[in-house]
Protein backbone atom coordinates (compact mmCIF):
# COMPACT_ATOMS: atom_id res chain seq x y z
CA MET A 1 -10.08 -6.13 13.50
CA LYS A 2 -9.18 -5.68 17.17
CA LYS A 3 -5.66 -7.12 17.33
CA ASP A 4 -5.26 -7.32 21.14
CA GLY A 5 -1.49 -7.30 20.80
CA VAL A 6 -1.35 -10.03 18.16
CA LEU A 7 0.91 -9.22 15.20
CA MET A 8 -0.65 -9.57 11.76
CA ILE A 9 1.11 -11.06 8.74
CA ALA A 10 -0.06 -10.55 5.14
CA HIS A 11 -0.24 -13.99 3.50
CA ARG A 12 1.46 -13.93 0.08
CA GLY A 13 1.19 -10.16 0.31
CA LEU A 14 -2.26 -8.60 0.52
CA SER A 15 -3.62 -11.50 -1.51
CA GLY A 16 -7.21 -10.87 -0.48
CA LEU A 17 -7.23 -7.79 -2.73
CA ILE A 18 -4.81 -8.52 -5.55
CA LEU A 19 -2.96 -11.44 -7.15
CA GLU A 20 -0.86 -13.26 -4.58
CA ASN A 21 2.94 -13.21 -4.43
CA THR A 22 3.38 -10.26 -6.76
CA CYS A 23 5.27 -7.03 -6.14
CA GLU A 24 1.90 -5.25 -6.20
CA ALA A 25 0.58 -7.52 -3.41
CA PHE A 26 3.70 -6.87 -1.34
CA GLU A 27 3.42 -3.11 -1.90
CA MET A 28 -0.23 -3.10 -0.82
CA ALA A 29 0.66 -4.98 2.36
CA GLY A 30 3.57 -2.64 2.98
CA GLN A 31 1.28 0.37 2.86
CA ARG A 32 -0.90 -1.02 5.65
CA SER A 33 -0.40 -1.84 9.31
CA TYR A 34 0.83 -5.43 8.92
CA TYR A 35 3.80 -6.49 11.00
CA GLY A 36 5.09 -8.81 8.28
CA ILE A 37 4.71 -9.91 4.67
CA GLU A 38 4.76 -13.65 3.96
CA THR A 39 5.88 -15.25 0.71
CA ASP A 40 7.34 -18.45 -0.76
CA VAL A 41 10.68 -19.04 -2.46
CA HIS A 42 11.57 -21.84 -4.90
CA VAL A 43 14.88 -22.91 -6.38
CA THR A 44 14.77 -22.89 -10.20
CA LYS A 45 16.31 -25.51 -12.48
CA ASP A 46 19.39 -23.34 -12.93
CA GLY A 47 19.84 -22.79 -9.21
CA LYS A 48 18.34 -19.32 -8.78
CA TYR A 49 15.61 -18.13 -6.42
CA ILE A 50 12.14 -17.00 -7.44
CA ILE A 51 8.92 -16.14 -5.63
CA ALA A 52 5.80 -18.32 -6.12
CA HIS A 53 3.62 -20.55 -3.98
CA ASP A 54 2.65 -23.56 -6.09
CA ASP A 55 5.07 -26.03 -7.59
CA ASP A 56 3.70 -25.16 -11.04
CA LEU A 57 1.92 -22.26 -12.75
CA ARG A 58 -1.38 -23.94 -13.64
CA ARG A 59 -3.51 -22.21 -11.01
CA ILE A 60 -1.95 -18.76 -11.29
CA ALA A 61 -1.27 -18.50 -15.00
CA GLY A 62 -2.84 -21.54 -16.67
CA LEU A 63 0.63 -22.67 -17.74
CA ASP A 64 1.94 -26.22 -17.58
CA MET A 65 5.33 -25.19 -16.19
CA VAL A 66 6.95 -26.70 -13.10
CA ILE A 67 8.97 -23.98 -11.39
CA GLU A 68 11.80 -26.17 -10.18
CA GLU A 69 12.12 -27.71 -13.66
CA SER A 70 12.26 -24.32 -15.41
CA ASP A 71 15.04 -21.77 -15.85
CA TYR A 72 14.91 -18.49 -13.98
CA GLU A 73 14.92 -16.19 -17.02
CA ASP A 74 12.10 -18.15 -18.68
CA LEU A 75 10.00 -17.78 -15.54
CA ARG A 76 10.80 -14.09 -15.15
CA ALA A 77 9.77 -13.40 -18.75
CA LEU A 78 6.21 -14.61 -18.14
CA ARG A 79 3.39 -12.08 -17.85
CA PHE A 80 -0.13 -12.80 -16.66
CA LYS A 81 -3.30 -11.05 -15.51
CA ASP A 82 -4.96 -10.89 -12.14
CA PRO A 83 -7.82 -13.44 -12.45
CA TYR A 84 -9.81 -11.59 -9.76
CA ARG A 85 -9.72 -8.24 -11.56
CA LYS A 86 -10.57 -8.71 -15.22
CA ASP A 87 -10.39 -4.98 -15.92
CA CYS A 88 -6.86 -4.65 -14.51
CA ALA A 89 -4.35 -3.70 -17.20
CA THR A 90 -1.30 -4.66 -15.16
CA SER A 91 0.75 -7.60 -16.38
CA PHE A 92 2.02 -9.44 -13.32
CA PHE A 93 5.26 -11.41 -13.11
CA LEU A 94 7.05 -13.66 -10.64
CA PRO A 95 9.14 -11.51 -8.28
CA SER A 96 12.77 -12.15 -7.53
CA LEU A 97 13.89 -12.75 -3.95
CA GLU A 98 15.68 -9.42 -4.09
CA GLU A 99 12.52 -7.53 -5.14
CA TYR A 100 10.58 -9.07 -2.26
CA CYS A 101 13.28 -8.19 0.29
CA LYS A 102 13.56 -4.64 -1.04
CA ILE A 103 9.81 -4.06 -0.61
CA CYS A 104 9.91 -5.43 2.96
CA LYS A 105 12.88 -3.16 3.65
CA LYS A 106 11.20 -0.15 2.02
CA TYR A 107 8.26 -0.39 4.40
CA GLY A 108 10.11 -1.77 7.43
CA LYS A 109 8.14 -5.04 7.42
CA GLN A 110 9.27 -8.39 8.77
CA ALA A 111 9.90 -10.79 5.89
CA ILE A 112 8.22 -14.15 6.49
CA LEU A 113 9.96 -16.36 3.94
CA GLU A 114 8.80 -19.92 3.31
CA LEU A 115 11.44 -22.32 1.98
CA LYS A 116 9.32 -24.40 -0.40
CA ASN A 117 9.86 -28.15 -0.54
CA ARG A 118 13.00 -29.90 0.67
CA MET A 119 16.08 -28.04 -0.50
CA THR A 120 19.74 -28.94 -0.51
CA PRO A 121 21.76 -27.44 2.34
CA LYS A 122 23.61 -25.40 -0.30
CA ASP A 123 20.37 -23.79 -1.49
CA VAL A 124 19.14 -23.15 2.05
CA GLU A 125 22.41 -21.40 2.81
CA GLY A 126 22.30 -19.58 -0.54
CA ILE A 127 18.89 -18.11 0.19
CA ALA A 128 19.98 -16.98 3.66
CA ALA A 129 23.16 -15.50 2.16
CA ALA A 130 21.11 -13.61 -0.44
CA VAL A 131 18.79 -12.19 2.22
CA THR A 132 21.87 -11.15 4.20
CA GLU A 133 23.35 -9.47 1.11
CA TYR A 134 20.10 -7.53 0.65
CA GLY A 135 20.45 -6.29 4.24
CA TRP A 136 17.32 -7.92 5.68
CA PHE A 137 18.48 -11.11 7.43
CA GLU A 138 17.79 -9.82 10.95
CA ARG A 139 14.26 -8.88 9.89
CA THR A 140 13.50 -12.19 8.18
CA THR A 141 11.66 -15.16 9.67
CA PHE A 142 12.34 -18.36 7.74
CA ILE A 143 9.48 -20.88 7.73
CA SER A 144 9.14 -24.33 6.19
CA PHE A 145 7.18 -27.57 6.33
CA SER A 146 10.56 -29.25 5.98
CA GLY A 147 12.19 -29.48 9.37
CA GLU A 148 15.39 -30.51 7.60
CA ASN A 149 15.51 -27.13 5.84
CA LEU A 150 15.33 -25.35 9.17
CA VAL A 151 17.94 -27.61 10.79
CA ASP A 152 20.30 -26.95 7.86
CA LEU A 153 19.64 -23.22 8.13
CA ARG A 154 20.43 -23.10 11.84
CA LYS A 155 23.66 -25.05 11.29
CA ALA A 156 24.91 -22.39 8.90
CA TYR A 157 23.16 -19.42 10.53
CA PRO A 158 22.69 -20.13 14.27
CA THR A 159 20.87 -16.84 14.91
CA ALA A 160 18.27 -17.37 12.16
CA ASN A 161 14.69 -16.66 13.22
CA VAL A 162 12.66 -19.72 12.20
CA GLN A 163 9.15 -21.17 12.45
CA PHE A 164 8.26 -24.79 11.77
CA LEU A 165 5.12 -25.06 9.63
CA VAL A 166 2.70 -27.79 10.69
CA GLU A 167 -0.92 -28.67 10.05
CA GLU A 168 -1.34 -29.64 13.67
CA CYS A 169 0.97 -29.70 16.63
CA THR A 170 1.45 -33.41 17.39
CA GLU A 171 3.51 -34.62 20.34
CA GLU A 172 6.31 -35.56 17.94
CA GLU A 173 6.32 -32.16 16.23
CA LEU A 174 6.06 -30.36 19.56
CA ALA A 175 9.11 -32.25 20.85
CA PHE A 176 10.98 -31.46 17.63
CA MET A 177 10.31 -27.73 17.97
CA ILE A 178 11.28 -27.63 21.63
CA GLU A 179 14.45 -29.66 21.04
CA ASN A 180 15.55 -27.40 18.18
CA ASN A 181 14.25 -24.12 19.61
CA PHE A 182 11.96 -23.54 16.62
CA ASP A 183 8.92 -21.30 16.88
CA ALA A 184 5.65 -22.78 15.59
CA ASP A 185 3.41 -21.93 12.64
CA ILE A 186 0.23 -24.01 12.98
CA GLN A 187 -2.86 -24.35 10.78
CA TRP A 188 -5.39 -22.09 12.48
CA ASP A 189 -8.15 -24.64 13.10
CA ARG A 190 -5.69 -27.04 14.75
CA VAL A 191 -4.42 -24.48 17.25
CA THR A 192 -5.15 -25.39 20.87
CA LYS A 193 -4.63 -23.42 24.05
CA ASN A 194 -2.69 -26.35 25.53
CA ALA A 195 -0.22 -26.45 22.64
CA VAL A 196 0.29 -22.68 22.77
CA GLU A 197 0.90 -22.77 26.52
CA ARG A 198 3.42 -25.60 26.17
CA LEU A 199 5.27 -23.76 23.42
CA HIS A 200 5.26 -20.54 25.40
CA GLY A 201 6.51 -22.49 28.40
CA ALA A 202 9.52 -23.51 26.30
CA GLY A 203 10.13 -19.88 25.35
CA LEU A 204 8.74 -20.32 21.82
CA LYS A 205 6.28 -18.17 19.88
CA VAL A 206 3.26 -19.28 17.87
CA ASN A 207 2.04 -18.14 14.47
CA CYS A 208 -1.06 -19.56 12.78
CA TRP A 209 -2.22 -19.80 9.18
CA THR A 210 -4.42 -18.79 7.38
CA VAL A 211 -7.16 -16.82 9.18
CA ASP A 212 -9.63 -14.89 7.01
CA GLU A 213 -12.68 -14.61 9.29
CA GLU A 214 -12.80 -12.37 12.34
CA GLU A 215 -14.56 -15.03 14.41
CA HIS A 216 -11.70 -17.43 13.67
CA ALA A 217 -9.22 -14.74 14.65
CA LYS A 218 -11.01 -14.35 17.98
CA ARG A 219 -10.67 -18.09 18.57
CA VAL A 220 -6.91 -18.25 18.00
CA LYS A 221 -6.36 -15.04 19.96
CA ALA A 222 -8.14 -16.69 22.88
CA CYS A 223 -5.64 -19.54 22.60
CA GLY A 224 -2.84 -17.00 23.05
CA VAL A 225 -1.11 -16.99 19.65
CA ASP A 226 1.54 -14.34 18.98
CA TYR A 227 0.92 -13.91 15.24
CA ILE A 228 -1.95 -14.35 12.79
CA THR A 229 -1.31 -14.87 9.08
CA SER A 230 -4.17 -13.73 6.85
CA ASN A 231 -5.08 -13.00 3.24
CA ILE A 232 -7.33 -10.08 4.18
CA LEU A 233 -7.69 -9.39 7.92
CA GLU A 234 -5.72 -6.44 9.24
């Protein structure tokens, strides 16, 4: 794909080729030209941090387990196959936050870390502290659909790089981002040139999710976005 200066982000790792949000997916993204690797972090029942997108494991593993109602060690002990590659012998597992950060660091990739669901300020700060301990805070962009998570993060870590996740950029959400100096992460088919220009005018950058067709990438590039998040485009 002709990037035209737009930076590409691998959604849940290179999830178009291998099971999402696994160390293998992060490694595959790291070995390619992506600017960043996106993932999702949950807080477990016992207050630890683990990588997964959904609130439960039904879609990924066929298991009736809610991540935030389960203990970390029980989740880490699980093994499951890649449903897209029946002949694959690898047993996948849920990565730790540290494993994700280490892979980003290994390949020099920006970590795009989604804070899933509304968290307590203590957990928001704990995740940022962990990323700092792993030596990758300055190369991490924290994203969330919860504006409160991002406000709490900036209170504790004023220099944090953040993006507010939205399905579309309403006037209310636009004002919120400008007031709080939050970059935007907008659903791709809701991106408009006007919204991008207004955000750029406020000194903010624009990411969009999740673009898997080159024609759609051309559309958002024409709107002037800074980043494109994709499962497969590179």
